[in-house]
Protein backbone atom coordinates (compact mmCIF):
# COMPACT_ATOMS: atom_id res chain seq x y z
CA UNK A 1 0.00 0.00 0.00
CA UNK A 2 2.89 2.37 0.62
CA UNK A 3 4.07 2.07 -2.97
CA UNK A 4 0.91 3.60 -4.42
CA UNK A 5 1.67 6.46 -6.76
CA UNK A 6 -1.86 7.83 -6.84
CA UNK A 7 -3.91 9.17 -4.02
CA UNK A 8 -7.39 10.51 -4.56
CA UNK A 9 -9.33 13.07 -2.62
CA UNK A 10 -12.70 11.94 -1.25
CA UNK A 11 -14.46 14.55 -3.38
CA UNK A 12 -12.82 13.11 -6.52
CA UNK A 13 -13.97 9.60 -5.62
CA UNK A 14 -17.48 10.86 -4.96
CA UNK A 15 -17.54 12.70 -8.29
CA UNK A 16 -16.47 9.54 -10.16
CA UNK A 17 -19.08 7.47 -8.29
CA UNK A 18 -21.78 9.95 -9.28
CA UNK A 19 -20.65 9.84 -12.91
CA UNK A 20 -20.89 6.04 -12.90
CA UNK A 21 -24.34 6.10 -11.28
CA UNK A 22 -25.58 8.70 -13.76
CA UNK A 23 -24.18 6.69 -16.67
CA UNK A 24 -26.04 3.61 -15.40
CA UNK A 25 -29.22 5.61 -14.88
CA UNK A 26 -29.42 4.83 -11.17
CA UNK A 27 -31.43 7.15 -8.97
CA UNK A 28 -30.30 7.59 -5.41
CA UNK A 29 -33.48 9.23 -4.17
CA UNK A 30 -36.07 6.94 -5.69
CA UNK A 31 -39.72 7.38 -4.88
CA UNK A 32 -41.21 4.82 -2.51
CA UNK A 33 -44.64 4.31 -1.00
CA UNK A 34 -43.41 6.19 2.07
CA UNK A 35 -42.89 9.24 -0.15
CA UNK A 36 -46.64 9.44 -0.71
CA UNK A 37 -47.77 8.89 2.88
CA UNK A 38 -47.31 12.48 3.96
CA UNK A 39 -49.33 13.65 0.97
CA UNK A 40 -52.08 11.06 1.37
CA UNK A 41 -52.45 11.09 5.14
CA UNK A 42 -52.86 14.81 5.77
CA UNK A 43 -56.30 14.25 7.31
CA UNK A 44 -54.86 12.03 10.08
CA UNK A 45 -53.68 15.08 12.02
CA UNK A 46 -57.29 15.90 12.88
CA UNK A 47 -57.82 12.54 14.61
CA UNK A 48 -57.40 11.77 18.29
CA UNK A 49 -53.74 11.08 19.14
CA UNK A 50 -54.33 7.42 20.01
CA UNK A 51 -56.19 6.78 16.77
CA UNK A 52 -53.57 8.69 14.80
CA UNK A 53 -50.78 6.55 16.30
CA UNK A 54 -52.70 3.34 15.62
CA UNK A 55 -53.21 4.20 11.95
CA UNK A 56 -49.57 5.24 11.53
CA UNK A 57 -48.43 1.97 13.15
CA UNK A 58 -50.67 -0.02 10.80
CA UNK A 59 -49.44 1.94 7.79
CA UNK A 60 -45.82 1.34 8.73
CA UNK A 61 -46.49 -2.34 9.32
CA UNK A 62 -48.25 -2.77 5.98
CA UNK A 63 -45.61 -0.84 4.05
CA UNK A 64 -42.74 -2.72 5.67
CA UNK A 65 -44.37 -5.99 4.65
CA UNK A 66 -44.97 -4.64 1.14
CA UNK A 67 -41.35 -3.56 0.82
CA UNK A 68 -40.14 -7.01 1.86
CA UNK A 69 -42.41 -8.79 -0.64
CA UNK A 70 -41.18 -8.69 -4.23
CA UNK A 71 -44.73 -9.12 -5.57
CA UNK A 72 -45.46 -5.50 -4.64
CA UNK A 73 -42.72 -4.31 -7.01
CA UNK A 74 -45.25 -4.77 -9.82
CA UNK A 75 -47.21 -1.81 -8.47
CA UNK A 76 -46.39 1.87 -8.45
CA UNK A 77 -45.43 3.34 -5.07
CA UNK A 78 -48.52 5.57 -5.09
CA UNK A 79 -50.76 2.53 -5.56
CA UNK A 80 -49.05 0.68 -2.70
CA UNK A 81 -49.42 3.74 -0.45
CA UNK A 82 -53.14 4.13 -1.20
CA UNK A 83 -53.66 0.39 -0.67
CA UNK A 84 -51.94 0.56 2.71
CA UNK A 85 -53.99 3.59 3.72
CA UNK A 86 -57.18 1.88 2.61
CA UNK A 87 -56.30 -1.32 4.50
CA UNK A 88 -55.44 0.56 7.67
CA UNK A 89 -58.69 2.56 7.54
CA UNK A 90 -60.63 -0.66 6.98
CA UNK A 91 -58.92 -2.39 9.89
CA UNK A 92 -59.73 0.42 12.28
CA UNK A 93 -63.15 0.76 10.65
CA UNK A 94 -62.76 4.47 10.04
CA UNK A 95 -63.97 4.46 6.47
CA UNK A 96 -67.47 5.54 7.42
CA UNK A 97 -66.61 7.40 10.63
CA UNK A 98 -64.44 10.14 9.11
CA UNK A 99 -65.75 10.19 5.59
CA UNK A 100 -62.90 7.88 4.68
CA UNK A 101 -64.80 6.57 1.68
CA UNK A 102 -65.09 10.09 0.24
CA UNK A 103 -61.43 10.68 0.98
CA UNK A 104 -60.37 7.42 -0.69
CA UNK A 105 -62.63 8.20 -3.65
CA UNK A 106 -60.89 11.55 -3.97
CA UNK A 107 -57.47 9.85 -3.88
CA UNK A 108 -58.40 7.20 -6.41
CA UNK A 109 -59.82 9.83 -8.76
CA UNK A 110 -56.25 11.05 -9.20
CA UNK A 111 -55.26 7.68 -10.67
CA UNK A 112 -55.49 6.61 -14.30
CA UNK A 113 -57.93 3.85 -15.23
CA UNK A 114 -55.06 1.34 -15.45
CA UNK A 115 -53.84 2.31 -12.01
CA UNK A 116 -57.32 1.80 -10.56
CA UNK A 117 -57.17 -1.82 -11.70
CA UNK A 118 -53.73 -2.09 -10.12
CA UNK A 119 -55.12 -0.57 -6.93
CA UNK A 120 -57.80 -3.26 -6.68
CA UNK A 121 -55.23 -6.04 -7.18
CA UNK A 122 -52.71 -4.48 -4.81
CA UNK A 123 -55.34 -3.88 -2.13
CA UNK A 124 -56.54 -7.48 -2.39
CA UNK A 125 -52.99 -8.80 -2.09
CA UNK A 126 -52.30 -6.52 0.88
CA UNK A 127 -55.54 -7.61 2.59
CA UNK A 128 -54.59 -11.27 2.12
CA UNK A 129 -51.13 -10.64 3.49
CA UNK A 130 -52.50 -8.71 6.46
CA UNK A 131 -55.11 -11.33 7.32
CA UNK A 132 -52.59 -14.19 7.21
CA UNK A 133 -50.14 -12.34 9.45
CA UNK A 134 -52.98 -11.13 11.69
CA UNK A 135 -54.05 -14.74 12.23
CA UNK A 136 -50.50 -15.68 13.27
CA UNK A 137 -50.34 -12.71 15.66
CA UNK A 138 -53.62 -13.75 17.30
CA UNK A 139 -52.23 -17.23 17.73
CA UNK A 140 -49.05 -15.88 19.28
CA UNK A 141 -50.77 -13.33 21.52
CA UNK A 142 -53.87 -15.21 22.62
CA UNK A 143 -53.24 -18.87 21.89
CA UNK A 144 -56.77 -19.17 20.47
CA UNK A 145 -55.82 -21.45 17.64
CA UNK A 146 -57.01 -25.06 17.70
CA UNK A 147 -55.78 -27.59 15.20
CA UNK A 148 -57.31 -31.00 14.65
CA UNK A 149 -55.50 -32.82 11.88
CA UNK A 150 -57.56 -34.94 9.58
CA UNK A 151 -57.04 -38.66 9.87
CA UNK A 152 -54.22 -39.95 7.78
CA UNK A 153 -54.84 -42.94 5.49
CA UNK A 154 -52.83 -45.18 7.82
CA UNK A 155 -55.08 -44.53 10.82
CA UNK A 156 -58.46 -44.74 9.09
CA UNK A 157 -58.78 -48.51 9.54
CA UNK A 158 -57.36 -48.49 13.05
CA UNK A 159 -59.96 -49.63 15.60
CA UNK A 160 -60.18 -48.60 19.26
CA UNK A 161 -60.02 -52.22 20.43
CA UNK A 162 -56.55 -52.49 18.95
CA UNK A 163 -55.39 -49.86 21.42
CA UNK A 164 -55.84 -52.23 24.36
CA UNK A 165 -53.65 -54.87 22.73
CA UNK A 166 -50.64 -52.57 22.49
């Protein structure tokens, strides 16, 4: 390492890195679903603090799951954000209480017709994902899950009187 003839300043290295990224067309500040949350959730500030925190927690939970699932890459970030907002409002059952339906209708009116179809698919996928994880959380938290396996083919012909012979 001591025999190196060239030494580069950090600013020079950064400039070269930026040139490479620009040449490759990489964007460092890409738009994600989180980018839209502040725009889409402006009405949450008017809610009670506890309700506001609950919705934000649900939104974060849904978006973190969406980010970790590659299937959601098929959808635009705005569609994922609206789907998460819609799911969280449905879970807390606020859609009717705070004119959430009118609000969601207003948001979806900003989308193209193609994006509305994507929104339906994305929302359905997010609902399925939420309900499957919600079921596991209930099992973990409350232990209210009961499983009775169906009889296997090897035990169908097994009679109770054979139990006493063993």
